[in-house]
Protein backbone atom coordinates (compact mmCIF):
# COMPACT_ATOMS: atom_id res chain seq x y z
CA MET A 1 15.52 -12.30 -10.13
CA THR A 2 17.41 -9.02 -10.04
CA GLY A 3 15.77 -5.66 -9.50
CA VAL A 4 12.92 -7.14 -7.46
CA ILE A 5 12.17 -6.64 -3.77
CA VAL A 6 8.94 -7.38 -1.89
CA SER A 7 7.71 -6.83 1.65
CA CYS A 8 4.47 -7.55 3.54
CA ALA A 9 2.84 -6.52 6.83
CA ALA A 10 -0.40 -7.20 8.66
CA ASN A 11 -2.00 -5.60 11.71
CA PRO A 12 -5.06 -6.71 13.64
CA ALA A 13 -7.86 -4.26 14.33
CA ARG A 14 -7.55 -2.05 17.39
CA ALA A 15 -10.24 -0.68 19.63
CA GLY A 16 -10.32 3.04 20.29
CA GLY A 17 -12.40 6.17 20.21
CA PRO A 18 -13.09 8.25 17.14
CA PHE A 19 -10.31 10.74 17.89
CA ALA A 20 -7.47 8.51 19.10
CA LEU A 21 -6.03 5.07 18.55
CA PHE A 22 -3.23 2.96 19.91
CA SER A 23 -0.45 1.74 17.65
CA ARG A 24 3.12 0.52 18.11
CA GLU A 25 4.17 4.16 18.41
CA GLY A 26 1.72 4.67 21.29
CA MET A 27 -1.39 6.83 21.35
CA VAL A 28 -1.97 8.59 18.03
CA LYS A 29 -4.51 11.38 17.78
CA LEU A 30 -6.58 11.37 14.62
CA ALA A 31 -7.44 14.63 12.97
CA PRO A 32 -9.87 15.12 10.09
CA ASP A 33 -6.83 15.71 7.87
CA GLY A 34 -4.97 12.55 9.03
CA GLY A 35 -2.96 14.43 11.63
CA LEU A 36 0.82 14.49 11.45
CA TYR A 37 0.99 11.63 8.96
CA GLY A 38 -1.69 13.15 6.71
CA ARG A 39 0.22 16.41 6.54
CA TYR A 40 3.48 14.55 5.86
CA ALA A 41 1.93 12.43 3.09
CA ARG A 42 0.25 15.36 1.33
CA ARG A 43 3.47 17.40 1.45
CA LEU A 44 5.51 14.44 0.13
CA LEU A 45 3.17 13.91 -2.83
CA ALA A 46 2.94 17.64 -3.59
CA THR A 47 6.72 18.00 -3.77
CA LEU A 48 7.68 14.92 -5.79
CA PRO A 49 10.56 15.50 -8.21
CA ARG A 50 9.39 16.11 -11.80
CA GLU A 51 10.61 12.73 -12.96
CA VAL A 52 8.46 10.85 -10.41
CA ARG A 53 4.94 10.07 -11.59
CA ILE A 54 1.92 8.72 -9.76
CA ARG A 55 0.58 5.93 -11.97
CA ALA A 56 -3.19 5.88 -11.41
CA ASP A 57 -3.55 3.71 -14.53
CA LEU A 58 -1.35 1.00 -12.99
CA GLU A 59 -3.07 1.33 -9.61
CA LYS A 60 -6.34 0.29 -11.28
CA ILE A 61 -4.64 -2.63 -13.01
CA LEU A 62 -3.04 -3.83 -9.75
CA ASN A 63 -6.40 -3.57 -7.93
CA ARG A 64 -8.00 -5.64 -10.71
CA LEU A 65 -5.21 -8.23 -10.62
CA ALA A 66 -5.67 -8.65 -6.85
CA SER A 67 -9.38 -9.23 -7.20
CA GLN A 68 -8.94 -11.65 -10.13
CA ALA A 69 -6.27 -13.66 -8.28
CA ARG A 70 -8.58 -14.05 -5.30
CA VAL A 71 -11.49 -15.20 -7.46
CA ARG A 72 -9.25 -17.78 -9.17
CA ALA A 73 -8.28 -19.05 -5.69
CA GLY A 74 -11.94 -19.37 -4.60
CA ARG A 75 -11.99 -16.19 -2.51
CA ALA A 76 -14.37 -13.27 -2.74
CA ALA A 77 -13.53 -10.49 -5.18
CA LEU A 78 -12.23 -7.25 -3.67
CA LYS A 79 -13.88 -3.88 -4.10
CA ALA A 80 -11.45 -1.14 -5.09
CA SER A 81 -11.60 1.81 -2.70
CA ASN A 82 -9.63 5.03 -2.40
CA LEU A 83 -10.06 5.21 1.39
CA PRO A 84 -6.32 4.81 2.21
CA LEU A 85 -5.07 6.01 -1.20
CA LEU A 86 -3.07 8.85 0.37
CA ALA A 87 -1.22 6.31 2.55
CA ALA A 88 -0.63 3.87 -0.32
CA ARG A 89 0.71 6.50 -2.70
CA ALA A 90 2.82 8.25 -0.07
CA GLN A 91 4.43 4.99 1.07
CA ALA A 92 5.19 4.02 -2.54
CA ALA A 93 6.75 7.46 -3.09
CA ASP A 94 8.66 7.27 0.21
CA MET A 95 10.10 3.90 -0.85
CA LEU A 96 11.07 5.18 -4.30
CA LEU A 97 12.76 8.31 -2.93
CA GLY A 98 14.48 6.35 -0.14
CA ASN A 99 15.41 3.38 -2.36
CA TYR A 100 13.92 0.76 -0.01
CA VAL A 101 10.92 -1.55 0.27
CA GLY A 102 9.17 -1.89 3.61
CA HIS A 103 6.37 -0.95 5.93
CA HIS A 104 8.14 1.31 8.41
CA SER A 105 9.43 4.37 6.62
CA PRO A 106 12.66 6.14 7.56
CA SER A 107 10.43 9.09 8.51
CA GLY A 108 9.06 6.92 11.34
CA PHE A 109 5.55 6.03 10.15
CA SER A 110 4.57 2.35 10.46
CA PHE A 111 1.90 0.70 8.33
CA ALA A 112 -0.57 0.67 11.24
CA ARG A 113 -0.12 4.39 11.82
CA ARG A 114 -0.38 5.25 8.11
CA PHE A 115 -3.51 3.17 7.57
CA GLU A 116 -5.31 4.40 10.66
CA ALA A 117 -4.36 8.05 10.07
CA THR A 118 -5.86 8.00 6.58
CA ALA A 119 -8.68 5.44 6.91
CA GLY A 120 -9.53 5.64 10.61
CA PRO A 121 -9.58 2.93 13.26
CA TYR A 122 -12.92 1.30 12.40
CA HIS A 123 -12.06 -0.78 9.36
CA GLY A 124 -11.09 -4.01 11.11
CA ASN A 125 -7.99 -5.97 10.27
CA HIS A 126 -5.77 -4.60 7.54
CA ALA A 127 -2.60 -5.65 5.72
CA GLU A 128 -0.17 -4.28 3.19
CA ASN A 129 2.07 -5.67 0.47
CA ALA A 130 4.92 -3.59 -0.94
CA ALA A 131 7.24 -4.21 -3.88
CA ARG A 132 9.42 -2.64 -6.50
CA ASP A 133 10.53 -3.65 -9.96
CA THR A 134 13.63 -1.91 -11.26
CA GLN A 135 14.32 -4.23 -14.18
CA ARG A 136 15.13 -2.51 -17.46
CA ALA A 137 11.77 -2.36 -19.17
CA PRO A 138 9.09 0.25 -19.73
CA VAL A 139 6.78 1.00 -16.82
CA ASP A 140 3.59 -0.36 -18.31
CA GLU A 141 0.85 -2.95 -17.75
CA PHE A 142 3.35 -5.79 -18.29
CA LYS A 143 5.67 -4.43 -15.59
CA ALA A 144 2.72 -3.99 -13.21
CA ALA A 145 1.68 -7.62 -13.82
CA ARG A 146 5.27 -8.77 -13.20
CA LEU A 147 5.38 -6.79 -9.94
CA PHE A 148 2.04 -8.33 -8.90
CA ARG A 149 3.43 -11.79 -9.69
CA GLN A 150 6.07 -11.18 -6.98
CA TRP A 151 3.29 -11.04 -4.42
CA LEU A 152 1.66 -14.22 -5.72
CA ASP A 153 4.98 -16.08 -5.74
CA SER A 154 5.89 -15.09 -2.18
CA PRO A 155 4.10 -17.17 0.51
CA GLY A 156 3.81 -14.25 2.97
CA HIS A 157 2.47 -11.84 0.37
CA ARG A 158 0.11 -14.41 -1.08
CA HIS A 159 -1.23 -15.09 2.43
CA ASN A 160 -1.78 -11.34 2.93
CA LEU A 161 -3.70 -11.12 -0.35
CA MET A 162 -5.80 -14.25 0.16
CA ARG A 163 -7.08 -13.74 3.70
CA ARG A 164 -10.80 -14.50 3.66
CA GLU A 165 -11.92 -11.44 5.62
CA TRP A 166 -10.68 -8.89 3.08
CA ARG A 167 -13.37 -6.97 1.25
CA PHE A 168 -11.44 -3.93 -0.04
CA VAL A 169 -8.21 -3.14 -1.86
CA CYS A 170 -6.32 0.08 -2.60
CA THR A 171 -3.05 0.39 -4.48
CA GLY A 172 -0.57 3.25 -4.70
CA ALA A 173 1.95 3.15 -7.56
CA VAL A 174 4.74 5.54 -8.50
CA ALA A 175 7.39 5.38 -11.18
CA ARG A 176 10.67 7.04 -12.09
CA GLY A 177 12.49 6.02 -15.22
CA GLN A 178 12.14 2.24 -15.46
CA ALA A 179 11.45 1.74 -11.74
CA LEU A 180 7.95 0.96 -10.44
CA TYR A 181 7.15 0.98 -6.72
CA ALA A 182 3.75 -0.18 -5.45
CA VAL A 183 1.93 -0.57 -2.15
CA GLN A 184 -1.29 -2.57 -1.97
CA ILE A 185 -3.52 -2.34 1.11
CA TYR A 186 -6.32 -4.75 2.11
CA TRP A 187 -8.95 -4.38 4.83
CA GLU A 188 -12.19 -5.95 5.98
CA LYS A 189 -14.80 -3.28 6.67
């Protein structure tokens, strides 16, 4: 399938105090505003080019599709939460602007660092799926469902989505023209 790229990542929970955590980048200090990453993410989203749109409508649809897919597979439904929404939206925007799909942005922020900077270190295991759909078609509910299907059809992404311990989901989605980029985050507590 052309115009389709997916990526997935998972990180186990880490122990740490309320003001610091350890990630692949080393010790990261948490600030009430998300520290360095929080400032980066807010600035990125505040300065998006006019043609780039955050698609809150499609975020809700993608959250619903994740929960429905899990129920069909005999797993518990997921509760939609905005806890790491800043991280999900900023990573989707970073991917769109950088024309890539992945979990470690060119700006140097890994998934673990992004999640923990926006959600904090006390939410247990967490994972992320990322994808884009650049096929020529309107960015609508159908395109969102097609993007979600990429995750279901990929063994690694499906595994990320179906892990039994997940209780929460948050999706960030951005679009430009006919391109849709999405990041979906799962966590346990």
